[in-house]
C-alpha atoms as a PDB file:
ATOM      1  CA  MET A   1      30.360 117.163 102.730  1.00  0.00           C
ATOM      2  CA  SER A   2      33.582 119.510 101.391  1.00  0.00           C
ATOM      3  CA  ASP A   3      35.640 116.502 102.489  1.00  0.00           C
ATOM      4  CA  GLU A   4      34.329 113.750 100.206  1.00  0.00           C
ATOM      5  CA  ALA A   5      34.249 116.696  97.618  1.00  0.00           C
ATOM      6  CA  ALA A   6      37.610 117.938  98.007  1.00  0.00           C
ATOM      7  CA  ARG A   7      39.009 114.136  97.963  1.00  0.00           C
ATOM      8  CA  ARG A   8      37.146 113.332  94.444  1.00  0.00           C
ATOM      9  CA  ALA A   9      38.891 116.753  93.163  1.00  0.00           C
ATOM     10  CA  LEU A  10      42.094 115.428  94.758  1.00  0.00           C
ATOM     11  CA  ASP A  11      41.189 111.866  92.794  1.00  0.00           C
ATOM     12  CA  ASP A  12      40.059 113.797  89.780  1.00  0.00           C
ATOM     13  CA  GLY A  13      43.746 115.743  89.480  1.00  0.00           C
ATOM     14  CA  LYS A  14      45.526 112.749  89.736  1.00  0.00           C
ATOM     15  CA  GLN A  15      44.205 110.962  87.448  1.00  0.00           C
ATOM     16  CA  ILE A  16      44.867 113.644  84.866  1.00  0.00           C
ATOM     17  CA  CYS A  17      48.194 114.066  86.000  1.00  0.00           C
ATOM     18  CA  VAL A  18      48.417 110.131  84.449  1.00  0.00           C
ATOM     19  CA  VAL A  19      46.483 110.733  81.535  1.00  0.00           C
ATOM     20  CA  VAL A  20      49.010 113.902  80.770  1.00  0.00           C
ATOM     21  CA  SER A  21      51.893 112.149  81.907  1.00  0.00           C
ATOM     22  CA  ARG A  22      51.578 109.498  79.502  1.00  0.00           C
ATOM     23  CA  LEU A  23      50.395 111.652  76.395  1.00  0.00           C
ATOM     24  CA  THR A  24      53.597 113.913  76.614  1.00  0.00           C
ATOM     25  CA  VAL A  25      55.742 110.447  76.747  1.00  0.00           C
ATOM     26  CA  ARG A  26      54.149 109.167  73.716  1.00  0.00           C
ATOM     27  CA  ALA A  27      54.148 112.621  71.811  1.00  0.00           C
ATOM     28  CA  MET A  28      58.505 112.429  73.049  1.00  0.00           C
ATOM     29  CA  LEU A  29      58.663 108.901  71.770  1.00  0.00           C
ATOM     30  CA  TRP A  30      57.004 109.355  68.524  1.00  0.00           C
ATOM     31  CA  ALA A  31      59.308 112.898  68.082  1.00  0.00           C
ATOM     32  CA  MET A  32      62.244 111.294  68.695  1.00  0.00           C
ATOM     33  CA  GLN A  33      61.067 107.873  66.068  1.00  0.00           C
ATOM     34  CA  GLU A  34      60.163 110.944  63.509  1.00  0.00           C
ATOM     35  CA  SER A  35      63.938 112.479  63.891  1.00  0.00           C
ATOM     36  CA  MET A  36      65.635 109.126  63.745  1.00  0.00           C
ATOM     37  CA  ARG A  37      63.872 108.616  60.612  1.00  0.00           C
ATOM     38  CA  GLU A  38      64.369 111.653  58.733  1.00  0.00           C
ATOM     39  CA  GLU A  39      68.165 111.161  59.834  1.00  0.00           C
ATOM     40  CA  ALA A  40      67.891 107.757  58.157  1.00  0.00           C
ATOM     41  CA  LEU A  41      66.936 108.941  54.885  1.00  0.00           C
ATOM     42  CA  ILE A  42      70.009 111.432  54.655  1.00  0.00           C
ATOM     43  CA  PRO A  43      72.796 109.564  52.986  1.00  0.00           C
ATOM     44  CA  GLN A  44      76.167 109.764  54.432  1.00  0.00           C
ATOM     45  CA  GLY A  45      79.657 108.911  53.038  1.00  0.00           C
ATOM     46  CA  LYS A  46      79.605 108.259  49.693  1.00  0.00           C
ATOM     47  CA  GLN A  47      76.627 108.900  47.053  1.00  0.00           C
ATOM     48  CA  SER A  48      75.812 109.596  44.102  1.00  0.00           C
ATOM     49  CA  VAL A  49      76.315 112.816  42.754  1.00  0.00           C
ATOM     50  CA  LYS A  50      72.521 113.301  41.917  1.00  0.00           C
ATOM     51  CA  SER A  51      71.752 112.623  45.843  1.00  0.00           C
ATOM     52  CA  LEU A  52      74.750 114.445  47.457  1.00  0.00           C
ATOM     53  CA  ILE A  53      73.475 117.932  45.045  1.00  0.00           C
ATOM     54  CA  GLY A  54      69.740 116.988  46.017  1.00  0.00           C
ATOM     55  CA  GLN A  55      71.048 117.499  49.779  1.00  0.00           C
ATOM     56  CA  GLY A  56      70.355 121.475  49.236  1.00  0.00           C
ATOM     57  CA  ASP A  57      73.842 122.562  50.053  1.00  0.00           C
ATOM     58  CA  SER A  58      76.127 123.735  47.452  1.00  0.00           C
ATOM     59  CA  VAL A  59      78.733 121.850  46.208  1.00  0.00           C
ATOM     60  CA  LYS A  60      82.305 121.765  45.280  1.00  0.00           C
ATOM     61  CA  ASN A  61      84.386 119.598  43.717  1.00  0.00           C
ATOM     62  CA  ILE A  62      88.247 118.363  43.122  1.00  0.00           C
ATOM     63  CA  GLU A  63      90.767 116.683  40.828  1.00  0.00           C
ATOM     64  CA  VAL A  64      92.571 113.842  42.141  1.00  0.00           C
ATOM     65  CA  ASN A  65      94.901 112.241  39.960  1.00  0.00           C
ATOM     66  CA  ASP A  66      96.305 109.679  42.141  1.00  0.00           C
ATOM     67  CA  PRO A  67      96.798 105.860  41.306  1.00  0.00           C
ATOM     68  CA  LYS A  68      95.511 104.979  45.168  1.00  0.00           C
ATOM     69  CA  PHE A  69      92.915 106.281  44.860  1.00  0.00           C
ATOM     70  CA  LYS A  70      91.721 103.957  47.299  1.00  0.00           C
ATOM     71  CA  GLU A  71      93.642 105.185  50.234  1.00  0.00           C
ATOM     72  CA  PHE A  72      92.339 108.987  49.642  1.00  0.00           C
ATOM     73  CA  GLU A  73      88.638 107.210  49.619  1.00  0.00           C
ATOM     74  CA  ARG A  74      89.441 105.419  53.447  1.00  0.00           C
ATOM     75  CA  ILE A  75      90.627 108.967  54.933  1.00  0.00           C
ATOM     76  CA  LEU A  76      87.314 110.589  53.483  1.00  0.00           C
ATOM     77  CA  LYS A  77      85.513 108.224  55.580  1.00  0.00           C
ATOM     78  CA  LYS A  78      88.007 108.903  58.775  1.00  0.00           C
ATOM     79  CA  TYR A  79      86.921 112.226  58.473  1.00  0.00           C
ATOM     80  CA  GLY A  80      83.305 111.621  57.660  1.00  0.00           C
ATOM     81  CA  ILE A  81      82.965 113.750  54.491  1.00  0.00           C
ATOM     82  CA  ASP A  82      79.896 113.065  52.377  1.00  0.00           C
ATOM     83  CA  TYR A  83      81.425 112.910  48.723  1.00  0.00           C
ATOM     84  CA  ALA A  84      80.636 111.378  45.313  1.00  0.00           C
ATOM     85  CA  VAL A  85      83.199 109.986  42.781  1.00  0.00           C
ATOM     86  CA  THR A  86      83.166 110.121  38.983  1.00  0.00           C
ATOM     87  CA  LYS A  87      85.960 108.687  37.240  1.00  0.00           C
ATOM     88  CA  LYS A  88      86.641 110.129  33.627  1.00  0.00           C
ATOM     89  CA  GLU A  89      90.428 108.721  32.120  1.00  0.00           C
ATOM     90  CA  GLY A  90      91.873 108.124  34.917  1.00  0.00           C
ATOM     91  CA  LYS A  91      91.165 111.250  36.894  1.00  0.00           C
ATOM     92  CA  TYR A  92      88.888 111.185  39.759  1.00  0.00           C
ATOM     93  CA  LEU A  93      86.433 114.459  39.794  1.00  0.00           C
ATOM     94  CA  VAL A  94      85.672 114.355  43.931  1.00  0.00           C
ATOM     95  CA  PHE A  95      82.045 116.252  44.619  1.00  0.00           C
ATOM     96  CA  PHE A  96      81.973 117.454  48.238  1.00  0.00           C
ATOM     97  CA  LYS A  97      79.917 119.890  50.598  1.00  0.00           C
ATOM     98  CA  ALA A  98      81.188 123.181  50.886  1.00  0.00           C
ATOM     99  CA  LYS A  99      80.923 123.232  54.246  1.00  0.00           C
ATOM    100  CA  ASP A 100      83.170 120.546  54.442  1.00  0.00           C
ATOM    101  CA  ASP A 101      85.628 122.252  52.871  1.00  0.00           C
ATOM    102  CA  ASP A 102      87.981 122.441  55.794  1.00  0.00           C
ATOM    103  CA  VAL A 103      87.723 119.108  56.895  1.00  0.00           C
ATOM    104  CA  LEU A 104      88.482 118.316  53.230  1.00  0.00           C
ATOM    105  CA  LYS A 105      92.457 120.244  53.648  1.00  0.00           C
ATOM    106  CA  GLN A 106      93.146 117.831  56.665  1.00  0.00           C
ATOM    107  CA  VAL A 107      92.358 115.394  54.617  1.00  0.00           C
ATOM    108  CA  LEU A 108      94.262 116.626  51.959  1.00  0.00           C
ATOM    109  CA  ALA A 109      96.924 117.144  53.668  1.00  0.00           C
ATOM    110  CA  GLU A 110      96.909 113.561  55.566  1.00  0.00           C
ATOM    111  CA  CYS A 111      97.561 112.256  52.442  1.00  0.00           C
ATOM    112  CA  THR A 112      99.988 113.657  51.344  1.00  0.00           C
ATOM    113  CA  LYS A 113     102.139 113.100  54.634  1.00  0.00           C
ATOM    114  CA  SER A 114     101.322 109.468  53.925  1.00  0.00           C
ATOM    115  CA  GLN A 115     103.117 109.791  50.295  1.00  0.00           C
ATOM    116  CA  VAL A 116     106.185 111.841  51.690  1.00  0.00           C
ATOM    117  CA  ASN A 117     106.582 109.454  54.504  1.00  0.00           C
ATOM    118  CA  GLY A 118     106.688 106.509  51.971  1.00  0.00           C
ATOM    119  CA  ARG A 119     104.131 103.645  51.508  1.00  0.00           C
ATOM    120  CA  LYS A 120     104.109 100.799  53.835  1.00  0.00           C
ATOM    121  CA  ALA A 121     106.465  97.905  53.043  1.00  0.00           C
ATOM    122  CA  SER A 122     104.946  94.723  50.886  1.00  0.00           C
ATOM    123  CA  ILE A 123     104.238  91.616  53.098  1.00  0.00           C
ATOM    124  CA  HIS A 124     107.401  90.447  51.097  1.00  0.00           C
ATOM    125  CA  ARG A 125     109.860  92.617  52.274  1.00  0.00           C
ATOM    126  CA  GLN A 126     108.400  92.440  55.939  1.00  0.00           C
ATOM    127  CA  LEU A 127     109.126  88.200  55.816  1.00  0.00           C
ATOM    128  CA  GLN A 128     112.135  88.492  54.406  1.00  0.00           C
ATOM    129  CA  LYS A 129     113.606  91.117  57.275  1.00  0.00           C
ATOM    130  CA  ILE A 130     111.532  88.850  59.213  1.00  0.00           C
ATOM    131  CA  MET A 131     113.437  85.767  58.321  1.00  0.00           C
ATOM    132  CA  GLN A 132     116.807  87.352  58.218  1.00  0.00           C
ATOM    133  CA  ARG A 133     116.462  88.642  61.768  1.00  0.00           C
ATOM    134  CA  LEU A 134     115.158  84.634  62.914  1.00  0.00           C
ATOM    135  CA  ALA A 135     118.684  83.875  60.530  1.00  0.00           C
ATOM    136  CA  SER A 136     120.517  85.992  62.911  1.00  0.00           C
ATOM    137  CA  MET A 137     119.469  85.152  66.182  1.00  0.00           C
ATOM    138  CA  THR A 138     120.158  81.352  66.067  1.00  0.00           C
ATOM    139  CA  LYS A 139     123.837  81.752  64.710  1.00  0.00           C
ATOM    140  CA  ARG A 140     124.214  83.467  68.000  1.00  0.00           C
ATOM    141  CA  ARG A 141     122.511  81.016  70.605  1.00  0.00           C
ATOM    142  CA  LYS A 142     124.956  78.479  72.014  1.00  0.00           C
ATOM    143  CA  VAL A 143     124.582  74.907  70.914  1.00  0.00           C
ATOM    144  CA  ARG A 144     124.009  72.856  73.720  1.00  0.00           C
ATOM    145  CA  GLU A 145     126.730  69.226  73.791  1.00  0.00           C
ATOM    146  CA  LYS A 146     125.080  66.224  74.916  1.00  0.00           C
ATOM    147  CA  ILE A 147     127.481  65.049  77.424  1.00  0.00           C
ATOM    148  CA  PRO A 148     127.315  60.986  78.195  1.00  0.00           C
ATOM    149  CA  ASP A 149     126.224  59.627  81.751  1.00  0.00           C
ATOM    150  CA  ARG A 150     127.871  60.315  84.432  1.00  0.00           C
ATOM    151  CA  GLU A 151     128.852  58.243  86.687  1.00  0.00           C
ATOM    152  CA  LEU A 152     128.132  58.780  90.162  1.00  0.00           C
END
């Protein structure tokens, strides 16, 4: 009898372990789904000023007078900064989270570096340079003359 009771106890223990492990897996999946939903609700990148302020972090702003503001925005996206933009009288006010202040300094340094190094050459100028190179290459080639049929 004691052997049967021990077997039953083992079987019951196994069943309990299986049920508990299934419940644990379900709870972990539920927790992962909830955290993913919360992350999806937080906007990232370019957003409105209201949503940026509504995230609860302190917000700073800078004034940008650059006529090529798209390049500035491209670099902001590259560094993953949450920002909002308002335009007044040709000037841009860029709002960003205060914790991104150090990263924004790097963004500004990269923008000034690209302005100092010069702008990208226009496509028309690039095509002209390529055409000049091709013209000079054809002049260098030796012209082959056709030799009349040779007799053997």
